[in-house]
């Protein structure tokens, strides 16, 4: 399974532990430091939301495990 992220980019993952960088969906700005969180196997993890320093967009961050073979 892979990790699906809204408002971020996965840097690395190991099981349920995910390291990511926050990314603005509006302008594409990516923070230059990593954050780490745990994503439960069968639910959505709401991570640290932020306001983009480039465009001012309020970006929500959420992650979940994604299995492309299961619909």
PDB file of N, CA and C in Angstrom:
ATOM      1  N   UNK A   1       0.836  -1.182   0.000  1.00  0.00           N
ATOM      2  CA  UNK A   1       0.000   0.000   0.000  1.00  0.00           C
ATOM      3  C   UNK A   1       0.881   1.245   0.000  1.00  0.00           C
ATOM      4  N   UNK A   2       0.346   2.319  -0.502  1.00  0.00           N
ATOM      5  CA  UNK A   2       1.045   3.588  -0.568  1.00  0.00           C
ATOM      6  C   UNK A   2       0.320   4.593   0.323  1.00  0.00           C
ATOM      7  N   UNK A   3       0.939   5.738   0.521  1.00  0.00           N
ATOM      8  CA  UNK A   3       0.340   6.806   1.309  1.00  0.00           C
ATOM      9  C   UNK A   3      -0.171   7.879   0.357  1.00  0.00           C
ATOM     10  N   UNK A   4      -1.416   8.261   0.521  1.00  0.00           N
ATOM     11  CA  UNK A   4      -2.018   9.344  -0.263  1.00  0.00           C
ATOM     12  C   UNK A   4      -2.047  10.587   0.633  1.00  0.00           C
ATOM     13  N   UNK A   5      -1.508  11.706   0.137  1.00  0.00           N
ATOM     14  CA  UNK A   5      -1.396  12.926   0.940  1.00  0.00           C
ATOM     15  C   UNK A   5      -2.062  14.098   0.230  1.00  0.00           C
ATOM     16  N   UNK A   6      -2.821  14.873   0.988  1.00  0.00           N
ATOM     17  CA  UNK A   6      -3.358  16.144   0.512  1.00  0.00           C
ATOM     18  C   UNK A   6      -2.650  17.225   1.307  1.00  0.00           C
ATOM     19  N   UNK A   7      -2.017  18.163   0.626  1.00  0.00           N
ATOM     20  CA  UNK A   7      -1.320  19.250   1.313  1.00  0.00           C
ATOM     21  C   UNK A   7       0.090  18.896   1.719  1.00  0.00           C
ATOM     22  N   UNK A   8       0.670  17.899   1.074  1.00  0.00           N
ATOM     23  CA  UNK A   8       2.033  17.509   1.421  1.00  0.00           C
ATOM     24  C   UNK A   8       2.645  16.598   0.383  1.00  0.00           C
ATOM     25  N   UNK A   9       3.938  16.324   0.566  1.00  0.00           N
ATOM     26  CA  UNK A   9       4.688  15.435  -0.307  1.00  0.00           C
ATOM     27  C   UNK A   9       5.394  14.423   0.582  1.00  0.00           C
ATOM     28  N   UNK A  10       5.236  13.125   0.297  1.00  0.00           N
ATOM     29  CA  UNK A  10       5.888  12.086   1.088  1.00  0.00           C
ATOM     30  C   UNK A  10       7.379  12.073   0.759  1.00  0.00           C
ATOM     31  N   UNK A  11       8.205  12.145   1.803  1.00  0.00           N
ATOM     32  CA  UNK A  11       9.653  12.061   1.651  1.00  0.00           C
ATOM     33  C   UNK A  11      10.081  10.604   1.786  1.00  0.00           C
ATOM     34  N   UNK A  12       9.554   9.918   2.818  1.00  0.00           N
ATOM     35  CA  UNK A  12       9.800   8.485   2.996  1.00  0.00           C
ATOM     36  C   UNK A  12       8.708   7.910   3.894  1.00  0.00           C
ATOM     37  N   UNK A  13       8.538   6.612   3.784  1.00  0.00           N
ATOM     38  CA  UNK A  13       7.552   5.929   4.626  1.00  0.00           C
ATOM     39  C   UNK A  13       8.105   4.578   5.037  1.00  0.00           C
ATOM     40  N   UNK A  14       7.751   4.179   6.241  1.00  0.00           N
ATOM     41  CA  UNK A  14       8.157   2.869   6.758  1.00  0.00           C
ATOM     42  C   UNK A  14       6.990   2.340   7.578  1.00  0.00           C
ATOM     43  N   UNK A  15       6.200   1.484   6.970  1.00  0.00           N
ATOM     44  CA  UNK A  15       5.011   0.965   7.634  1.00  0.00           C
ATOM     45  C   UNK A  15       3.991   2.075   7.818  1.00  0.00           C
ATOM     46  N   UNK A  16       3.667   2.361   9.070  1.00  0.00           N
ATOM     47  CA  UNK A  16       2.704   3.424   9.347  1.00  0.00           C
ATOM     48  C   UNK A  16       3.371   4.758   9.663  1.00  0.00           C
ATOM     49  N   UNK A  17       4.710   4.785   9.724  1.00  0.00           N
ATOM     50  CA  UNK A  17       5.446   6.021  10.004  1.00  0.00           C
ATOM     51  C   UNK A  17       5.771   6.719   8.682  1.00  0.00           C
ATOM     52  N   UNK A  18       5.332   7.980   8.563  1.00  0.00           N
ATOM     53  CA  UNK A  18       5.503   8.729   7.321  1.00  0.00           C
ATOM     54  C   UNK A  18       6.236  10.042   7.598  1.00  0.00           C
ATOM     55  N   UNK A  19       7.248  10.320   6.792  1.00  0.00           N
ATOM     56  CA  UNK A  19       7.938  11.606   6.840  1.00  0.00           C
ATOM     57  C   UNK A  19       7.512  12.369   5.591  1.00  0.00           C
ATOM     58  N   UNK A  20       7.101  13.630   5.774  1.00  0.00           N
ATOM     59  CA  UNK A  20       6.554  14.410   4.673  1.00  0.00           C
ATOM     60  C   UNK A  20       6.980  15.865   4.779  1.00  0.00           C
ATOM     61  N   UNK A  21       6.722  16.614   3.726  1.00  0.00           N
ATOM     62  CA  UNK A  21       6.897  18.062   3.708  1.00  0.00           C
ATOM     63  C   UNK A  21       5.563  18.688   3.337  1.00  0.00           C
ATOM     64  N   UNK A  22       5.224  19.776   4.017  1.00  0.00           N
ATOM     65  CA  UNK A  22       3.979  20.466   3.708  1.00  0.00           C
ATOM     66  C   UNK A  22       4.095  21.122   2.335  1.00  0.00           C
ATOM     67  N   UNK A  23       3.000  21.064   1.562  1.00  0.00           N
ATOM     68  CA  UNK A  23       2.983  21.653   0.221  1.00  0.00           C
ATOM     69  C   UNK A  23       1.647  22.334  -0.011  1.00  0.00           C
ATOM     70  N   UNK A  24       1.698  23.555  -0.518  1.00  0.00           N
ATOM     71  CA  UNK A  24       0.503  24.320  -0.826  1.00  0.00           C
ATOM     72  C   UNK A  24      -0.089  23.809  -2.136  1.00  0.00           C
ATOM     73  N   UNK A  25      -1.351  23.435  -2.113  1.00  0.00           N
ATOM     74  CA  UNK A  25      -2.037  22.955  -3.318  1.00  0.00           C
ATOM     75  C   UNK A  25      -2.367  24.103  -4.271  1.00  0.00           C
ATOM     76  N   UNK A  26      -2.373  25.332  -3.782  1.00  0.00           N
ATOM     77  CA  UNK A  26      -2.714  26.503  -4.594  1.00  0.00           C
ATOM     78  C   UNK A  26      -1.544  26.948  -5.477  1.00  0.00           C
ATOM     79  N   UNK A  27      -0.359  27.158  -4.860  1.00  0.00           N
ATOM     80  CA  UNK A  27       0.773  27.707  -5.616  1.00  0.00           C
ATOM     81  C   UNK A  27       1.940  26.729  -5.768  1.00  0.00           C
ATOM     82  N   UNK A  28       1.907  25.591  -5.040  1.00  0.00           N
ATOM     83  CA  UNK A  28       2.952  24.583  -5.167  1.00  0.00           C
ATOM     84  C   UNK A  28       4.147  24.777  -4.245  1.00  0.00           C
ATOM     85  N   UNK A  29       4.107  25.781  -3.375  1.00  0.00           N
ATOM     86  CA  UNK A  29       5.217  26.025  -2.447  1.00  0.00           C
ATOM     87  C   UNK A  29       5.408  24.813  -1.534  1.00  0.00           C
ATOM     88  N   UNK A  30       6.668  24.362  -1.372  1.00  0.00           N
ATOM     89  CA  UNK A  30       6.991  23.230  -0.505  1.00  0.00           C
ATOM     90  C   UNK A  30       7.954  23.706   0.577  1.00  0.00           C
ATOM     91  N   UNK A  31       7.613  23.421   1.839  1.00  0.00           N
ATOM     92  CA  UNK A  31       8.505  23.768   2.951  1.00  0.00           C
ATOM     93  C   UNK A  31       9.810  22.997   2.818  1.00  0.00           C
ATOM     94  N   UNK A  32      10.898  23.547   3.332  1.00  0.00           N
ATOM     95  CA  UNK A  32      12.208  22.917   3.182  1.00  0.00           C
ATOM     96  C   UNK A  32      12.616  22.069   4.383  1.00  0.00           C
ATOM     97  N   UNK A  33      11.668  21.704   5.244  1.00  0.00           N
ATOM     98  CA  UNK A  33      11.977  20.822   6.366  1.00  0.00           C
ATOM     99  C   UNK A  33      10.922  19.718   6.465  1.00  0.00           C
ATOM    100  N   UNK A  34      11.328  18.607   7.050  1.00  0.00           N
ATOM    101  CA  UNK A  34      10.484  17.414   7.138  1.00  0.00           C
ATOM    102  C   UNK A  34       9.685  17.384   8.435  1.00  0.00           C
ATOM    103  N   UNK A  35       8.553  16.696   8.373  1.00  0.00           N
ATOM    104  CA  UNK A  35       7.723  16.402   9.539  1.00  0.00           C
ATOM    105  C   UNK A  35       7.438  14.911   9.505  1.00  0.00           C
ATOM    106  N   UNK A  36       7.248  14.318  10.679  1.00  0.00           N
ATOM    107  CA  UNK A  36       6.981  12.884  10.763  1.00  0.00           C
ATOM    108  C   UNK A  36       5.707  12.650  11.562  1.00  0.00           C
ATOM    109  N   UNK A  37       4.899  11.693  11.110  1.00  0.00           N
ATOM    110  CA  UNK A  37       3.670  11.339  11.816  1.00  0.00           C
ATOM    111  C   UNK A  37       3.375   9.863  11.585  1.00  0.00           C
ATOM    112  N   UNK A  38       2.406   9.363  12.302  1.00  0.00           N
ATOM    113  CA  UNK A  38       1.954   7.982  12.139  1.00  0.00           C
ATOM    114  C   UNK A  38       0.580   8.018  11.466  1.00  0.00           C
ATOM    115  N   UNK A  39       0.420   7.217  10.426  1.00  0.00           N
ATOM    116  CA  UNK A  39      -0.854   7.128   9.717  1.00  0.00           C
ATOM    117  C   UNK A  39      -1.476   5.770  10.032  1.00  0.00           C
ATOM    118  N   UNK A  40      -2.584   5.760  10.777  1.00  0.00           N
ATOM    119  CA  UNK A  40      -3.240   4.481  11.099  1.00  0.00           C
ATOM    120  C   UNK A  40      -3.641   3.727   9.826  1.00  0.00           C
ATOM    121  N   UNK A  41      -3.643   2.417   9.902  1.00  0.00           N
ATOM    122  CA  UNK A  41      -3.859   1.581   8.723  1.00  0.00           C
ATOM    123  C   UNK A  41      -5.210   1.788   8.043  1.00  0.00           C
ATOM    124  N   UNK A  42      -6.288   2.037   8.782  1.00  0.00           N
ATOM    125  CA  UNK A  42      -7.602   2.098   8.151  1.00  0.00           C
ATOM    126  C   UNK A  42      -8.360   3.376   8.452  1.00  0.00           C
ATOM    127  N   UNK A  43      -7.654   4.470   8.615  1.00  0.00           N
ATOM    128  CA  UNK A  43      -8.335   5.743   8.834  1.00  0.00           C
ATOM    129  C   UNK A  43      -7.510   6.881   8.252  1.00  0.00           C
ATOM    130  N   UNK A  44      -8.042   8.086   8.333  1.00  0.00           N
ATOM    131  CA  UNK A  44      -7.367   9.276   7.809  1.00  0.00           C
ATOM    132  C   UNK A  44      -6.690  10.003   8.956  1.00  0.00           C
ATOM    133  N   UNK A  45      -5.465  10.446   8.736  1.00  0.00           N
ATOM    134  CA  UNK A  45      -4.727  11.231   9.725  1.00  0.00           C
ATOM    135  C   UNK A  45      -4.755  12.681   9.290  1.00  0.00           C
ATOM    136  N   UNK A  46      -5.316  13.539  10.122  1.00  0.00           N
ATOM    137  CA  UNK A  46      -5.264  14.975   9.868  1.00  0.00           C
ATOM    138  C   UNK A  46      -3.977  15.472  10.497  1.00  0.00           C
ATOM    139  N   UNK A  47      -3.108  16.048   9.688  1.00  0.00           N
ATOM    140  CA  UNK A  47      -1.801  16.504  10.166  1.00  0.00           C
ATOM    141  C   UNK A  47      -1.830  18.012  10.392  1.00  0.00           C
ATOM    142  N   UNK A  48      -0.677  18.603  10.553  1.00  0.00           N
ATOM    143  CA  UNK A  48      -0.574  20.010  10.890  1.00  0.00           C
ATOM    144  C   UNK A  48      -0.948  20.899   9.701  1.00  0.00           C
ATOM    145  N   UNK A  49      -2.079  21.576   9.793  1.00  0.00           N
ATOM    146  CA  UNK A  49      -2.519  22.513   8.756  1.00  0.00           C
ATOM    147  C   UNK A  49      -1.657  23.768   8.820  1.00  0.00           C
ATOM    148  N   UNK A  50      -1.613  24.524   7.724  1.00  0.00           N
ATOM    149  CA  UNK A  50      -0.748  25.702   7.690  1.00  0.00           C
ATOM    150  C   UNK A  50      -1.281  26.753   6.732  1.00  0.00           C
ATOM    151  N   UNK A  51      -0.756  27.963   6.874  1.00  0.00           N
ATOM    152  CA  UNK A  51      -1.026  29.042   5.930  1.00  0.00           C
ATOM    153  C   UNK A  51       0.237  29.228   5.107  1.00  0.00           C
ATOM    154  N   UNK A  52       0.107  29.167   3.785  1.00  0.00           N
ATOM    155  CA  UNK A  52       1.252  29.263   2.888  1.00  0.00           C
ATOM    156  C   UNK A  52       1.918  30.637   3.013  1.00  0.00           C
ATOM    157  N   UNK A  53       3.239  30.671   3.211  1.00  0.00           N
ATOM    158  CA  UNK A  53       3.933  31.949   3.314  1.00  0.00           C
ATOM    159  C   UNK A  53       4.065  32.676   1.973  1.00  0.00           C
ATOM    160  N   UNK A  54       3.862  31.965   0.867  1.00  0.00           N
ATOM    161  CA  UNK A  54       3.978  32.577  -0.461  1.00  0.00           C
ATOM    162  C   UNK A  54       2.684  33.236  -0.919  1.00  0.00           C
ATOM    163  N   UNK A  55       1.553  32.515  -0.806  1.00  0.00           N
ATOM    164  CA  UNK A  55       0.297  33.036  -1.372  1.00  0.00           C
ATOM    165  C   UNK A  55      -0.793  33.295  -0.327  1.00  0.00           C
ATOM    166  N   UNK A  56      -0.581  32.842   0.924  1.00  0.00           N
ATOM    167  CA  UNK A  56      -1.565  33.078   1.975  1.00  0.00           C
ATOM    168  C   UNK A  56      -2.705  32.071   2.020  1.00  0.00           C
ATOM    169  N   UNK A  57      -2.657  31.039   1.195  1.00  0.00           N
ATOM    170  CA  UNK A  57      -3.691  30.013   1.166  1.00  0.00           C
ATOM    171  C   UNK A  57      -3.643  29.186   2.452  1.00  0.00           C
ATOM    172  N   UNK A  58      -4.810  28.955   3.081  1.00  0.00           N
ATOM    173  CA  UNK A  58      -4.881  28.075   4.236  1.00  0.00           C
ATOM    174  C   UNK A  58      -4.984  26.645   3.717  1.00  0.00           C
ATOM    175  N   UNK A  59      -3.997  25.826   4.027  1.00  0.00           N
ATOM    176  CA  UNK A  59      -3.921  24.475   3.481  1.00  0.00           C
ATOM    177  C   UNK A  59      -4.125  23.438   4.577  1.00  0.00           C
ATOM    178  N   UNK A  60      -5.095  22.564   4.384  1.00  0.00           N
ATOM    179  CA  UNK A  60      -5.283  21.444   5.290  1.00  0.00           C
ATOM    180  C   UNK A  60      -4.420  20.280   4.818  1.00  0.00           C
ATOM    181  N   UNK A  61      -3.891  19.526   5.768  1.00  0.00           N
ATOM    182  CA  UNK A  61      -3.022  18.397   5.461  1.00  0.00           C
ATOM    183  C   UNK A  61      -3.673  17.130   6.001  1.00  0.00           C
ATOM    184  N   UNK A  62      -3.851  16.130   5.134  1.00  0.00           N
ATOM    185  CA  UNK A  62      -4.395  14.849   5.578  1.00  0.00           C
ATOM    186  C   UNK A  62      -3.713  13.718   4.822  1.00  0.00           C
ATOM    187  N   UNK A  63      -3.648  12.561   5.463  1.00  0.00           N
ATOM    188  CA  UNK A  63      -2.974  11.390   4.892  1.00  0.00           C
ATOM    189  C   UNK A  63      -3.791  10.146   5.166  1.00  0.00           C
ATOM    190  N   UNK A  64      -3.670   9.190   4.257  1.00  0.00           N
ATOM    191  CA  UNK A  64      -4.298   7.885   4.463  1.00  0.00           C
ATOM    192  C   UNK A  64      -3.562   6.858   3.630  1.00  0.00           C
ATOM    193  N   UNK A  65      -3.679   5.611   4.033  1.00  0.00           N
ATOM    194  CA  UNK A  65      -3.121   4.520   3.234  1.00  0.00           C
ATOM    195  C   UNK A  65      -4.016   4.335   2.022  1.00  0.00           C
ATOM    196  N   UNK A  66      -3.404   4.087   0.905  1.00  0.00           N
ATOM    197  CA  UNK A  66      -4.129   3.940  -0.357  1.00  0.00           C
ATOM    198  C   UNK A  66      -3.765   2.603  -0.977  1.00  0.00           C
ATOM    199  N   UNK A  67      -4.741   1.802  -1.264  1.00  0.00           N
ATOM    200  CA  UNK A  67      -4.537   0.525  -1.918  1.00  0.00           C
ATOM    201  C   UNK A  67      -5.231   0.578  -3.268  1.00  0.00           C
ATOM    202  N   UNK A  68      -4.481   0.715  -4.369  1.00  0.00           N
ATOM    203  CA  UNK A  68      -5.106   0.863  -5.687  1.00  0.00           C
ATOM    204  C   UNK A  68      -5.881  -0.364  -6.149  1.00  0.00           C
ATOM    205  N   UNK A  69      -5.676  -1.532  -5.558  1.00  0.00           N
ATOM    206  CA  UNK A  69      -6.393  -2.733  -5.968  1.00  0.00           C
ATOM    207  C   UNK A  69      -7.747  -2.842  -5.291  1.00  0.00           C
ATOM    208  N   UNK A  70      -7.970  -2.059  -4.231  1.00  0.00           N
ATOM    209  CA  UNK A  70      -9.247  -2.094  -3.507  1.00  0.00           C
ATOM    210  C   UNK A  70     -10.064  -0.862  -3.868  1.00  0.00           C
ATOM    211  N   UNK A  71     -11.278  -1.036  -4.278  1.00  0.00           N
ATOM    212  CA  UNK A  71     -12.134   0.078  -4.660  1.00  0.00           C
ATOM    213  C   UNK A  71     -13.177   0.340  -3.627  1.00  0.00           C
TER     214      UNK A  71
END
